[in-house]
Amino acid sequence: MKKLRLVLWATVVVALAAFIIFNVRDHNDPDRTDGPQGTSAADFFPSFSLTDHLGKPVTGQTYRGKWLLVFFGFTHCPDICPTTLAELARVMDLLGSKAEAVKPLFISIDPERDRVKPLGEYVSAFHPAITGLTGTGKQVAGAAQAFRVYFEKQEQDTAPDGYTMGHTSSVYLISPDGAFVRTYDYGTPPELIAGDLKEKL
């Protein structure tokens, strides 16, 4: 576990450095409330039925009463996923005692490889508050469709098992009653996310 944690954090450092150097995006508007593809927040109540990294079946109802930070990714992701999970871990630390009202969820879009046990080891390496979710291919596709998240399997000879996954890189903020509130683009500083959440808690 210690070795895995070191490898993951080393990956995060490299990815963050690359992000800063190439300045891929600058979408850090703290007031952004538009839904995916221009969806009105009032009309967007995403749902899911999956299995958490402890092997328990969960749905959106399981987390009612909590502010959700939802991110779709996969454990073999070389950069975006570990970077984002590290940032979510930082957000939880910045929230302090208010963190109890927030639940970060990492939904795998690679159920073929991301089984319950390895998914649990992966998310636990970042922060104990982060819960990993997986399921059957149909369940994962249903969750992605509900959130209007893009993902696809992409063949790549140099990747583990010969493929990687392309996917949406935003973090979704869901209210305690299950309604979409906003997205945070990849690279949004944890300080901005934590500050935004503190205003809502």
N, C-alpha and C. Protein backbone atom coordinates (compact mmCIF):
# COMPACT_ATOMS: atom_id res chain seq x y z
N MET A 1 0.83 -1.21 0.00
CA MET A 1 0.00 0.00 0.00
C MET A 1 0.87 1.25 0.00
N LYS A 2 1.96 1.25 0.81
CA LYS A 2 2.83 2.40 0.88
C LYS A 2 3.48 2.66 -0.47
N LYS A 3 3.90 1.57 -1.15
CA LYS A 3 4.53 1.72 -2.46
C LYS A 3 3.54 2.28 -3.47
N LEU A 4 2.28 1.78 -3.42
CA LEU A 4 1.25 2.27 -4.33
C LEU A 4 1.00 3.74 -4.10
N ARG A 5 0.95 4.15 -2.85
CA ARG A 5 0.70 5.55 -2.51
C ARG A 5 1.79 6.45 -3.07
N LEU A 6 3.07 6.00 -2.93
CA LEU A 6 4.19 6.78 -3.43
C LEU A 6 4.14 6.91 -4.95
N VAL A 7 3.80 5.81 -5.62
CA VAL A 7 3.72 5.83 -7.08
C VAL A 7 2.62 6.77 -7.54
N LEU A 8 1.47 6.70 -6.90
CA LEU A 8 0.35 7.55 -7.27
C LEU A 8 0.67 9.02 -7.08
N TRP A 9 1.26 9.36 -5.95
CA TRP A 9 1.58 10.76 -5.69
C TRP A 9 2.69 11.27 -6.61
N ALA A 10 3.60 10.40 -6.98
CA ALA A 10 4.65 10.78 -7.94
C ALA A 10 4.01 11.11 -9.28
N THR A 11 3.02 10.30 -9.67
CA THR A 11 2.29 10.54 -10.91
C THR A 11 1.57 11.88 -10.87
N VAL A 12 0.99 12.18 -9.71
CA VAL A 12 0.28 13.44 -9.53
C VAL A 12 1.21 14.63 -9.72
N VAL A 13 2.39 14.55 -9.12
CA VAL A 13 3.36 15.65 -9.23
C VAL A 13 3.73 15.90 -10.69
N VAL A 14 3.99 14.81 -11.42
CA VAL A 14 4.36 14.94 -12.83
C VAL A 14 3.22 15.54 -13.64
N ALA A 15 2.00 15.05 -13.38
CA ALA A 15 0.85 15.55 -14.13
C ALA A 15 0.58 17.02 -13.84
N LEU A 16 0.72 17.42 -12.58
CA LEU A 16 0.51 18.82 -12.22
C LEU A 16 1.55 19.72 -12.88
N ALA A 17 2.77 19.24 -12.92
CA ALA A 17 3.83 20.02 -13.57
C ALA A 17 3.53 20.21 -15.05
N ALA A 18 3.07 19.12 -15.68
CA ALA A 18 2.74 19.21 -17.10
C ALA A 18 1.58 20.17 -17.33
N PHE A 19 0.62 20.14 -16.42
CA PHE A 19 -0.54 21.03 -16.55
C PHE A 19 -0.12 22.49 -16.47
N ILE A 20 0.75 22.79 -15.53
CA ILE A 20 1.21 24.16 -15.34
C ILE A 20 2.03 24.63 -16.54
N ILE A 21 2.89 23.73 -17.03
CA ILE A 21 3.77 24.10 -18.15
C ILE A 21 2.98 24.37 -19.42
N PHE A 22 2.05 23.49 -19.73
CA PHE A 22 1.32 23.61 -20.99
C PHE A 22 0.03 24.41 -20.87
N ASN A 23 -0.38 24.67 -19.63
CA ASN A 23 -1.56 25.52 -19.40
C ASN A 23 -2.73 25.10 -20.29
N VAL A 24 -3.11 23.82 -20.14
CA VAL A 24 -4.13 23.25 -21.00
C VAL A 24 -5.44 24.01 -20.94
N ARG A 25 -5.86 24.41 -19.73
CA ARG A 25 -7.14 25.10 -19.60
C ARG A 25 -7.07 26.17 -18.53
N ASP A 26 -8.05 27.05 -18.55
CA ASP A 26 -8.19 28.03 -17.49
C ASP A 26 -9.67 28.33 -17.31
N HIS A 27 -10.40 27.31 -16.83
CA HIS A 27 -11.84 27.41 -16.64
C HIS A 27 -12.15 27.35 -15.15
N ASN A 28 -11.74 28.34 -14.39
CA ASN A 28 -11.88 28.30 -12.94
C ASN A 28 -12.92 29.27 -12.42
N ASP A 29 -13.94 29.54 -13.21
CA ASP A 29 -14.99 30.45 -12.79
C ASP A 29 -15.76 29.86 -11.63
N PRO A 30 -15.65 30.44 -10.41
CA PRO A 30 -16.32 29.88 -9.25
C PRO A 30 -17.83 30.01 -9.29
N ASP A 31 -18.36 30.78 -10.22
CA ASP A 31 -19.80 30.99 -10.30
C ASP A 31 -20.46 30.19 -11.41
N ARG A 32 -19.71 29.28 -12.01
CA ARG A 32 -20.25 28.52 -13.13
C ARG A 32 -21.32 27.55 -12.64
N THR A 33 -22.54 27.65 -13.18
CA THR A 33 -23.65 26.80 -12.74
C THR A 33 -24.37 26.14 -13.90
N ASP A 34 -23.83 26.23 -15.10
CA ASP A 34 -24.47 25.58 -16.22
C ASP A 34 -24.25 24.09 -16.16
N GLY A 35 -25.25 23.33 -16.60
CA GLY A 35 -25.12 21.88 -16.61
C GLY A 35 -24.38 21.40 -17.84
N PRO A 36 -24.14 20.10 -17.95
CA PRO A 36 -23.46 19.55 -19.11
C PRO A 36 -24.20 19.91 -20.39
N GLN A 37 -23.45 20.36 -21.38
CA GLN A 37 -23.99 20.75 -22.69
C GLN A 37 -25.11 21.78 -22.55
N GLY A 38 -24.93 22.72 -21.59
CA GLY A 38 -25.88 23.79 -21.43
C GLY A 38 -27.14 23.43 -20.67
N THR A 39 -27.16 22.24 -20.04
CA THR A 39 -28.34 21.82 -19.30
C THR A 39 -28.62 22.77 -18.14
N SER A 40 -29.90 23.07 -17.93
CA SER A 40 -30.29 23.89 -16.79
C SER A 40 -30.13 23.07 -15.52
N ALA A 41 -29.51 23.65 -14.49
CA ALA A 41 -29.31 22.94 -13.24
C ALA A 41 -30.64 22.47 -12.65
N ALA A 42 -31.68 23.24 -12.84
CA ALA A 42 -32.99 22.90 -12.27
C ALA A 42 -33.58 21.63 -12.90
N ASP A 43 -33.10 21.26 -14.09
CA ASP A 43 -33.65 20.09 -14.79
C ASP A 43 -32.72 18.87 -14.74
N PHE A 44 -31.67 18.95 -13.98
CA PHE A 44 -30.64 17.91 -14.01
C PHE A 44 -30.51 17.22 -12.65
N PHE A 45 -31.05 15.99 -12.54
CA PHE A 45 -30.96 15.20 -11.32
C PHE A 45 -30.33 13.85 -11.67
N PRO A 46 -29.01 13.79 -11.81
CA PRO A 46 -28.36 12.54 -12.23
C PRO A 46 -28.52 11.44 -11.18
N SER A 47 -28.56 10.19 -11.65
CA SER A 47 -28.74 9.06 -10.75
C SER A 47 -27.77 7.93 -11.11
N PHE A 48 -27.67 6.94 -10.23
CA PHE A 48 -26.81 5.79 -10.50
C PHE A 48 -27.18 4.63 -9.58
N SER A 49 -26.81 3.43 -9.99
CA SER A 49 -26.96 2.23 -9.18
C SER A 49 -25.70 1.41 -9.38
N LEU A 50 -24.80 1.44 -8.39
CA LEU A 50 -23.47 0.86 -8.53
C LEU A 50 -23.08 0.08 -7.27
N THR A 51 -21.81 -0.30 -7.20
CA THR A 51 -21.27 -1.00 -6.03
C THR A 51 -20.08 -0.21 -5.51
N ASP A 52 -20.03 0.04 -4.20
CA ASP A 52 -18.90 0.81 -3.68
C ASP A 52 -17.69 -0.08 -3.47
N HIS A 53 -16.56 0.52 -3.10
CA HIS A 53 -15.31 -0.26 -3.02
C HIS A 53 -15.25 -1.19 -1.81
N LEU A 54 -16.33 -1.22 -1.04
CA LEU A 54 -16.45 -2.19 0.06
C LEU A 54 -17.36 -3.35 -0.34
N GLY A 55 -17.88 -3.28 -1.57
CA GLY A 55 -18.73 -4.34 -2.07
C GLY A 55 -20.21 -4.14 -1.79
N LYS A 56 -20.61 -2.96 -1.33
CA LYS A 56 -22.00 -2.70 -1.00
C LYS A 56 -22.72 -2.00 -2.16
N PRO A 57 -23.94 -2.43 -2.47
CA PRO A 57 -24.71 -1.75 -3.52
C PRO A 57 -25.13 -0.36 -3.05
N VAL A 58 -24.99 0.62 -3.91
CA VAL A 58 -25.36 2.00 -3.57
C VAL A 58 -26.09 2.65 -4.73
N THR A 59 -26.87 3.69 -4.40
CA THR A 59 -27.54 4.50 -5.41
C THR A 59 -27.36 5.95 -5.01
N GLY A 60 -27.92 6.85 -5.81
CA GLY A 60 -27.86 8.26 -5.45
C GLY A 60 -28.52 8.51 -4.11
N GLN A 61 -29.55 7.73 -3.80
CA GLN A 61 -30.27 7.89 -2.53
C GLN A 61 -29.39 7.59 -1.32
N THR A 62 -28.39 6.75 -1.51
CA THR A 62 -27.49 6.37 -0.42
C THR A 62 -26.79 7.59 0.18
N TYR A 63 -26.54 8.58 -0.66
CA TYR A 63 -25.77 9.74 -0.23
C TYR A 63 -26.61 11.01 -0.07
N ARG A 64 -27.92 10.86 -0.01
CA ARG A 64 -28.77 12.02 0.22
C ARG A 64 -28.39 12.69 1.55
N GLY A 65 -28.41 14.01 1.56
CA GLY A 65 -28.02 14.76 2.75
C GLY A 65 -26.58 15.21 2.70
N LYS A 66 -25.82 14.72 1.71
CA LYS A 66 -24.42 15.11 1.54
C LYS A 66 -24.25 15.91 0.24
N TRP A 67 -23.30 16.81 0.25
CA TRP A 67 -22.86 17.44 -0.99
C TRP A 67 -21.91 16.46 -1.66
N LEU A 68 -22.16 16.13 -2.91
CA LEU A 68 -21.33 15.15 -3.62
C LEU A 68 -20.39 15.82 -4.61
N LEU A 69 -19.14 15.37 -4.61
CA LEU A 69 -18.17 15.76 -5.62
C LEU A 69 -17.93 14.49 -6.44
N VAL A 70 -18.49 14.44 -7.63
CA VAL A 70 -18.48 13.22 -8.44
C VAL A 70 -17.52 13.36 -9.62
N PHE A 71 -16.63 12.36 -9.73
CA PHE A 71 -15.66 12.36 -10.82
C PHE A 71 -15.64 10.98 -11.47
N PHE A 72 -15.67 10.95 -12.80
CA PHE A 72 -15.60 9.70 -13.55
C PHE A 72 -14.19 9.50 -14.06
N GLY A 73 -13.63 8.31 -13.86
CA GLY A 73 -12.27 8.05 -14.31
C GLY A 73 -11.95 6.56 -14.23
N PHE A 74 -10.67 6.22 -14.20
CA PHE A 74 -10.28 4.81 -14.11
C PHE A 74 -8.90 4.71 -13.46
N THR A 75 -8.65 3.59 -12.81
CA THR A 75 -7.44 3.45 -11.99
C THR A 75 -6.15 3.38 -12.80
N HIS A 76 -6.23 3.01 -14.09
CA HIS A 76 -5.03 2.95 -14.92
C HIS A 76 -4.76 4.28 -15.62
N CYS A 77 -5.51 5.30 -15.28
CA CYS A 77 -5.34 6.62 -15.87
C CYS A 77 -3.96 7.18 -15.49
N PRO A 78 -3.18 7.66 -16.46
CA PRO A 78 -1.82 8.10 -16.17
C PRO A 78 -1.70 9.51 -15.60
N ASP A 79 -2.71 10.36 -15.75
CA ASP A 79 -2.51 11.74 -15.33
C ASP A 79 -3.75 12.43 -14.76
N ILE A 80 -4.79 12.59 -15.56
CA ILE A 80 -5.96 13.36 -15.13
C ILE A 80 -6.60 12.80 -13.86
N CYS A 81 -6.80 11.50 -13.80
CA CYS A 81 -7.49 10.90 -12.64
C CYS A 81 -6.71 11.03 -11.34
N PRO A 82 -5.44 10.63 -11.29
CA PRO A 82 -4.72 10.80 -10.03
C PRO A 82 -4.57 12.26 -9.62
N THR A 83 -4.42 13.14 -10.61
CA THR A 83 -4.32 14.57 -10.29
C THR A 83 -5.61 15.06 -9.66
N THR A 84 -6.74 14.71 -10.26
CA THR A 84 -8.03 15.16 -9.75
C THR A 84 -8.32 14.58 -8.38
N LEU A 85 -8.01 13.32 -8.15
CA LEU A 85 -8.25 12.72 -6.84
C LEU A 85 -7.37 13.37 -5.77
N ALA A 86 -6.16 13.72 -6.14
CA ALA A 86 -5.28 14.41 -5.20
C ALA A 86 -5.85 15.79 -4.86
N GLU A 87 -6.43 16.44 -5.85
CA GLU A 87 -7.03 17.75 -5.61
C GLU A 87 -8.28 17.63 -4.73
N LEU A 88 -9.07 16.58 -4.94
CA LEU A 88 -10.25 16.36 -4.10
C LEU A 88 -9.83 16.04 -2.66
N ALA A 89 -8.73 15.32 -2.51
CA ALA A 89 -8.22 15.03 -1.17
C ALA A 89 -7.83 16.33 -0.47
N ARG A 90 -7.22 17.23 -1.23
CA ARG A 90 -6.83 18.53 -0.69
C ARG A 90 -8.06 19.35 -0.30
N VAL A 91 -9.10 19.27 -1.13
CA VAL A 91 -10.36 19.98 -0.82
C VAL A 91 -10.90 19.50 0.52
N MET A 92 -10.91 18.20 0.73
CA MET A 92 -11.44 17.65 1.98
C MET A 92 -10.64 18.13 3.18
N ASP A 93 -9.34 18.21 3.01
CA ASP A 93 -8.49 18.70 4.11
C ASP A 93 -8.75 20.18 4.38
N LEU A 94 -8.94 20.95 3.32
CA LEU A 94 -9.19 22.39 3.47
C LEU A 94 -10.54 22.67 4.14
N LEU A 95 -11.50 21.77 3.98
CA LEU A 95 -12.82 21.97 4.56
C LEU A 95 -12.84 21.78 6.07
N GLY A 96 -11.84 21.09 6.59
CA GLY A 96 -11.77 20.88 8.03
C GLY A 96 -12.99 20.15 8.57
N SER A 97 -13.59 20.68 9.62
CA SER A 97 -14.75 20.03 10.24
C SER A 97 -15.97 20.01 9.32
N LYS A 98 -16.02 20.89 8.33
CA LYS A 98 -17.14 20.94 7.41
C LYS A 98 -17.10 19.80 6.38
N ALA A 99 -15.99 19.09 6.34
CA ALA A 99 -15.83 18.00 5.38
C ALA A 99 -16.84 16.88 5.60
N GLU A 100 -17.39 16.78 6.79
CA GLU A 100 -18.36 15.72 7.08
C GLU A 100 -19.62 15.86 6.22
N ALA A 101 -19.87 17.05 5.72
CA ALA A 101 -21.07 17.28 4.91
C ALA A 101 -20.83 17.02 3.42
N VAL A 102 -19.59 16.63 3.08
CA VAL A 102 -19.21 16.45 1.67
C VAL A 102 -18.73 15.02 1.43
N LYS A 103 -19.10 14.44 0.29
CA LYS A 103 -18.67 13.09 -0.06
C LYS A 103 -18.12 13.06 -1.48
N PRO A 104 -16.82 12.81 -1.64
CA PRO A 104 -16.24 12.67 -2.98
C PRO A 104 -16.48 11.24 -3.49
N LEU A 105 -16.97 11.12 -4.72
CA LEU A 105 -17.21 9.82 -5.34
C LEU A 105 -16.40 9.69 -6.62
N PHE A 106 -15.69 8.58 -6.74
CA PHE A 106 -14.92 8.29 -7.95
C PHE A 106 -15.60 7.13 -8.67
N ILE A 107 -16.28 7.42 -9.78
CA ILE A 107 -17.00 6.39 -10.52
C ILE A 107 -16.13 5.87 -11.66
N SER A 108 -15.81 4.59 -11.62
CA SER A 108 -14.95 4.00 -12.65
C SER A 108 -15.71 3.81 -13.95
N ILE A 109 -15.06 4.19 -15.06
CA ILE A 109 -15.64 3.95 -16.37
C ILE A 109 -14.90 2.79 -17.05
N ASP A 110 -14.18 2.00 -16.22
CA ASP A 110 -13.42 0.85 -16.70
C ASP A 110 -13.73 -0.37 -15.83
N PRO A 111 -14.99 -0.82 -15.80
CA PRO A 111 -15.36 -1.94 -14.91
C PRO A 111 -14.66 -3.24 -15.24
N GLU A 112 -14.15 -3.34 -16.46
CA GLU A 112 -13.42 -4.55 -16.86
C GLU A 112 -12.20 -4.79 -15.98
N ARG A 113 -11.53 -3.71 -15.60
CA ARG A 113 -10.33 -3.83 -14.75
C ARG A 113 -10.56 -3.35 -13.32
N ASP A 114 -11.45 -2.38 -13.15
CA ASP A 114 -11.63 -1.78 -11.83
C ASP A 114 -12.66 -2.54 -10.99
N ARG A 115 -12.21 -3.67 -10.49
CA ARG A 115 -13.04 -4.46 -9.59
C ARG A 115 -13.04 -3.83 -8.20
N VAL A 116 -13.85 -4.37 -7.32
CA VAL A 116 -14.03 -3.77 -5.99
C VAL A 116 -12.73 -3.61 -5.21
N LYS A 117 -11.96 -4.68 -5.05
CA LYS A 117 -10.76 -4.63 -4.21
C LYS A 117 -9.69 -3.67 -4.74
N PRO A 118 -9.28 -3.79 -6.01
CA PRO A 118 -8.25 -2.85 -6.51
C PRO A 118 -8.74 -1.40 -6.52
N LEU A 119 -10.04 -1.20 -6.74
CA LEU A 119 -10.59 0.15 -6.72
C LEU A 119 -10.49 0.73 -5.33
N GLY A 120 -10.77 -0.09 -4.32
CA GLY A 120 -10.66 0.35 -2.93
C GLY A 120 -9.24 0.74 -2.55
N GLU A 121 -8.28 -0.07 -2.99
CA GLU A 121 -6.87 0.23 -2.70
C GLU A 121 -6.46 1.54 -3.38
N TYR A 122 -6.98 1.75 -4.56
CA TYR A 122 -6.61 2.95 -5.33
C TYR A 122 -7.12 4.22 -4.66
N VAL A 123 -8.41 4.30 -4.39
CA VAL A 123 -8.95 5.54 -3.82
C VAL A 123 -8.45 5.78 -2.40
N SER A 124 -8.20 4.70 -1.65
CA SER A 124 -7.73 4.85 -0.27
C SER A 124 -6.34 5.45 -0.21
N ALA A 125 -5.59 5.33 -1.30
CA ALA A 125 -4.25 5.89 -1.34
C ALA A 125 -4.29 7.42 -1.39
N PHE A 126 -5.43 7.99 -1.72
CA PHE A 126 -5.56 9.44 -1.82
C PHE A 126 -6.18 10.05 -0.56
N HIS A 127 -7.32 9.53 -0.13
CA HIS A 127 -7.98 10.09 1.05
C HIS A 127 -9.05 9.11 1.53
N PRO A 128 -9.17 8.91 2.84
CA PRO A 128 -10.16 7.96 3.35
C PRO A 128 -11.61 8.34 3.08
N ALA A 129 -11.85 9.62 2.78
CA ALA A 129 -13.23 10.06 2.54
C ALA A 129 -13.71 9.74 1.13
N ILE A 130 -12.78 9.47 0.22
CA ILE A 130 -13.15 9.21 -1.17
C ILE A 130 -13.67 7.78 -1.31
N THR A 131 -14.83 7.65 -1.94
CA THR A 131 -15.41 6.33 -2.17
C THR A 131 -15.36 6.00 -3.66
N GLY A 132 -14.87 4.81 -3.96
CA GLY A 132 -14.82 4.35 -5.35
C GLY A 132 -16.08 3.56 -5.68
N LEU A 133 -16.62 3.77 -6.86
CA LEU A 133 -17.82 3.07 -7.29
C LEU A 133 -17.58 2.37 -8.62
N THR A 134 -18.06 1.15 -8.74
CA THR A 134 -17.94 0.40 -9.98
C THR A 134 -19.23 -0.39 -10.19
N GLY A 135 -19.26 -1.25 -11.18
CA GLY A 135 -20.46 -2.03 -11.44
C GLY A 135 -20.32 -2.79 -12.73
N THR A 136 -21.43 -3.27 -13.24
CA THR A 136 -21.41 -3.94 -14.53
C THR A 136 -21.25 -2.89 -15.63
N GLY A 137 -20.92 -3.35 -16.82
CA GLY A 137 -20.81 -2.41 -17.92
C GLY A 137 -22.08 -1.62 -18.14
N LYS A 138 -23.22 -2.29 -17.98
CA LYS A 138 -24.51 -1.63 -18.17
C LYS A 138 -24.76 -0.58 -17.09
N GLN A 139 -24.40 -0.91 -15.84
CA GLN A 139 -24.60 0.04 -14.74
C GLN A 139 -23.72 1.27 -14.91
N VAL A 140 -22.47 1.05 -15.30
CA VAL A 140 -21.55 2.17 -15.50
C VAL A 140 -22.02 3.05 -16.64
N ALA A 141 -22.45 2.44 -17.72
CA ALA A 141 -22.96 3.20 -18.87
C ALA A 141 -24.19 4.00 -18.46
N GLY A 142 -25.04 3.42 -17.62
CA GLY A 142 -26.23 4.12 -17.16
C GLY A 142 -25.89 5.33 -16.32
N ALA A 143 -24.88 5.18 -15.43
CA ALA A 143 -24.46 6.31 -14.60
C ALA A 143 -23.86 7.42 -15.45
N ALA A 144 -23.04 7.04 -16.42
CA ALA A 144 -22.43 8.04 -17.31
C ALA A 144 -23.49 8.77 -18.12
N GLN A 145 -24.49 8.03 -18.58
CA GLN A 145 -25.56 8.66 -19.35
C GLN A 145 -26.36 9.62 -18.48
N ALA A 146 -26.59 9.23 -17.22
CA ALA A 146 -27.36 10.09 -16.31
C ALA A 146 -26.63 11.41 -16.05
N PHE A 147 -25.30 11.35 -15.96
CA PHE A 147 -24.51 12.55 -15.73
C PHE A 147 -24.13 13.24 -17.04
N ARG A 148 -24.47 12.58 -18.17
CA ARG A 148 -24.11 13.08 -19.49
C ARG A 148 -22.59 13.21 -19.63
N VAL A 149 -21.95 12.15 -19.15
CA VAL A 149 -20.49 12.05 -19.20
C VAL A 149 -20.06 11.25 -20.43
N TYR A 150 -19.04 11.74 -21.10
CA TYR A 150 -18.47 11.02 -22.25
C TYR A 150 -17.39 10.06 -21.77
N PHE A 151 -17.39 8.83 -22.32
CA PHE A 151 -16.25 7.94 -22.11
C PHE A 151 -16.23 6.91 -23.24
N GLU A 152 -15.03 6.45 -23.56
CA GLU A 152 -14.89 5.41 -24.57
C GLU A 152 -13.58 4.67 -24.39
N LYS A 153 -13.58 3.42 -24.76
CA LYS A 153 -12.39 2.58 -24.72
C LYS A 153 -11.56 2.88 -25.96
N GLN A 154 -10.26 3.10 -25.76
CA GLN A 154 -9.38 3.44 -26.87
C GLN A 154 -8.18 2.51 -26.91
N GLU A 155 -7.99 1.84 -28.01
CA GLU A 155 -6.85 0.93 -28.15
C GLU A 155 -5.54 1.72 -28.13
N GLN A 156 -4.57 1.21 -27.37
CA GLN A 156 -3.27 1.87 -27.27
C GLN A 156 -2.23 0.82 -26.90
N ASP A 157 -1.35 0.53 -27.82
CA ASP A 157 -0.38 -0.55 -27.63
C ASP A 157 0.49 -0.39 -26.39
N THR A 158 0.81 0.87 -26.05
CA THR A 158 1.72 1.09 -24.93
C THR A 158 1.01 1.14 -23.57
N ALA A 159 -0.32 1.09 -23.56
CA ALA A 159 -1.08 1.15 -22.31
C ALA A 159 -1.24 -0.24 -21.70
N PRO A 160 -1.46 -0.32 -20.39
CA PRO A 160 -1.71 -1.62 -19.75
C PRO A 160 -2.88 -2.34 -20.43
N ASP A 161 -2.70 -3.62 -20.73
CA ASP A 161 -3.73 -4.43 -21.37
C ASP A 161 -4.08 -3.95 -22.77
N GLY A 162 -3.29 -3.05 -23.32
CA GLY A 162 -3.48 -2.61 -24.69
C GLY A 162 -4.56 -1.60 -24.94
N TYR A 163 -5.07 -0.98 -23.87
CA TYR A 163 -6.08 0.06 -24.08
C TYR A 163 -6.09 1.08 -22.95
N THR A 164 -6.64 2.24 -23.27
CA THR A 164 -6.85 3.28 -22.26
C THR A 164 -8.30 3.74 -22.39
N MET A 165 -8.68 4.74 -21.60
CA MET A 165 -10.06 5.24 -21.63
C MET A 165 -10.07 6.75 -21.82
N GLY A 166 -10.84 7.21 -22.80
CA GLY A 166 -11.06 8.64 -22.95
C GLY A 166 -12.31 8.98 -22.15
N HIS A 167 -12.31 10.14 -21.47
CA HIS A 167 -13.47 10.47 -20.64
C HIS A 167 -13.54 11.95 -20.28
N THR A 168 -14.71 12.38 -19.86
CA THR A 168 -14.92 13.73 -19.37
C THR A 168 -14.08 13.94 -18.12
N SER A 169 -13.46 15.11 -18.00
CA SER A 169 -12.54 15.34 -16.88
C SER A 169 -13.08 16.29 -15.80
N SER A 170 -14.32 16.70 -15.92
CA SER A 170 -14.90 17.62 -14.94
C SER A 170 -15.33 16.91 -13.66
N VAL A 171 -15.40 17.67 -12.57
CA VAL A 171 -15.95 17.19 -11.30
C VAL A 171 -17.35 17.79 -11.17
N TYR A 172 -18.32 16.96 -10.85
CA TYR A 172 -19.71 17.41 -10.72
C TYR A 172 -20.05 17.64 -9.25
N LEU A 173 -20.65 18.79 -8.97
CA LEU A 173 -21.13 19.08 -7.62
C LEU A 173 -22.63 18.83 -7.60
N ILE A 174 -23.05 17.92 -6.70
CA ILE A 174 -24.45 17.55 -6.56
C ILE A 174 -24.92 17.95 -5.16
N SER A 175 -26.09 18.55 -5.09
CA SER A 175 -26.62 19.05 -3.82
C SER A 175 -27.13 17.90 -2.94
N PRO A 176 -27.38 18.16 -1.65
CA PRO A 176 -27.87 17.13 -0.74
C PRO A 176 -29.20 16.50 -1.17
N ASP A 177 -29.97 17.19 -2.00
CA ASP A 177 -31.24 16.61 -2.46
C ASP A 177 -31.09 15.95 -3.83
N GLY A 178 -29.87 15.83 -4.33
CA GLY A 178 -29.61 15.10 -5.57
C GLY A 178 -29.62 15.91 -6.83
N ALA A 179 -29.69 17.23 -6.73
CA ALA A 179 -29.73 18.08 -7.92
C ALA A 179 -28.33 18.54 -8.33
N PHE A 180 -28.13 18.63 -9.64
CA PHE A 180 -26.87 19.17 -10.14
C PHE A 180 -26.75 20.64 -9.76
N VAL A 181 -25.55 21.04 -9.32
CA VAL A 181 -25.29 22.43 -8.96
C VAL A 181 -24.35 23.09 -9.96
N ARG A 182 -23.22 22.43 -10.26
CA ARG A 182 -22.23 22.99 -11.17
C ARG A 182 -21.15 21.96 -11.45
N THR A 183 -20.24 22.30 -12.37
CA THR A 183 -19.05 21.49 -12.60
C THR A 183 -17.81 22.33 -12.29
N TYR A 184 -16.75 21.61 -11.95
CA TYR A 184 -15.42 22.23 -11.79
C TYR A 184 -14.54 21.62 -12.86
N ASP A 185 -13.99 22.43 -13.73
CA ASP A 185 -13.15 21.92 -14.80
C ASP A 185 -11.84 21.35 -14.26
N TYR A 186 -11.26 20.48 -15.05
CA TYR A 186 -9.96 19.89 -14.70
C TYR A 186 -8.94 21.00 -14.45
N GLY A 187 -8.25 20.92 -13.34
CA GLY A 187 -7.24 21.92 -13.00
C GLY A 187 -7.75 23.03 -12.11
N THR A 188 -9.04 23.03 -11.75
CA THR A 188 -9.54 24.05 -10.83
C THR A 188 -8.82 23.90 -9.49
N PRO A 189 -8.21 24.94 -8.96
CA PRO A 189 -7.47 24.84 -7.70
C PRO A 189 -8.36 24.37 -6.55
N PRO A 190 -7.88 23.47 -5.71
CA PRO A 190 -8.64 22.98 -4.56
C PRO A 190 -9.13 24.12 -3.67
N GLU A 191 -8.35 25.19 -3.57
CA GLU A 191 -8.74 26.33 -2.74
C GLU A 191 -10.04 26.97 -3.24
N LEU A 192 -10.20 27.03 -4.57
CA LEU A 192 -11.43 27.59 -5.13
C LEU A 192 -12.63 26.69 -4.87
N ILE A 193 -12.42 25.39 -5.02
CA ILE A 193 -13.51 24.43 -4.78
C ILE A 193 -13.92 24.46 -3.31
N ALA A 194 -12.92 24.42 -2.42
CA ALA A 194 -13.22 24.44 -0.99
C ALA A 194 -13.92 25.73 -0.59
N GLY A 195 -13.48 26.85 -1.15
CA GLY A 195 -14.10 28.13 -0.84
C GLY A 195 -15.55 28.17 -1.31
N ASP A 196 -15.79 27.63 -2.49
CA ASP A 196 -17.15 27.58 -3.02
C ASP A 196 -18.04 26.73 -2.14
N LEU A 197 -17.52 25.59 -1.71
CA LEU A 197 -18.29 24.68 -0.86
C LEU A 197 -18.59 25.32 0.51
N LYS A 198 -17.62 26.01 1.07
CA LYS A 198 -17.83 26.62 2.38
C LYS A 198 -18.97 27.62 2.36
N GLU A 199 -19.14 28.29 1.22
CA GLU A 199 -20.24 29.25 1.10
C GLU A 199 -21.59 28.55 1.06
N LYS A 200 -21.60 27.27 0.64
CA LYS A 200 -22.83 26.52 0.51
C LYS A 200 -23.17 25.71 1.75
N LEU A 201 -22.18 25.40 2.56
CA LEU A 201 -22.41 24.53 3.73
C LEU A 201 -23.05 25.29 4.89
